[in-house]
């Protein structure tokens, strides 16, 4: 099974993983691709307040459920006796919030520039 961004559409990670365990055939391969927050360090109980604030803004803007880490998914899967072979964090070492903000600004600038060009060309043809 290939599940891309599906956890972002389901209100409960526990229910999502439980449903995977229910419908997957024995020996099936399940690939989950989704946004996760960073894995907490050994001495941490939660994310930093500024991280939680940023994640809340994203969740509120896009009507997303609470985020969890790759380690949380591994724990959920293993609690249902599913074997986890690999858990990758592709954003490791990146400050993803700044990257997203930078990309959004670039897209908005390109979009507004594109709209200006289109309106100029439309005006010129009339």
Foldseek 3Di string as FASTA:
>chain_A
DEAEAVLFVDQDLLVVLVVCLVPDDVPDDYHYHHDADADDDPPDPDDDPVVVVLQVVVCVVVVGHDHHHLVVNVVSNVVSVHDDDDGDDPCPPHPVSVVVVVVVVVVVVVVVVVVVVVVVVVVVVD
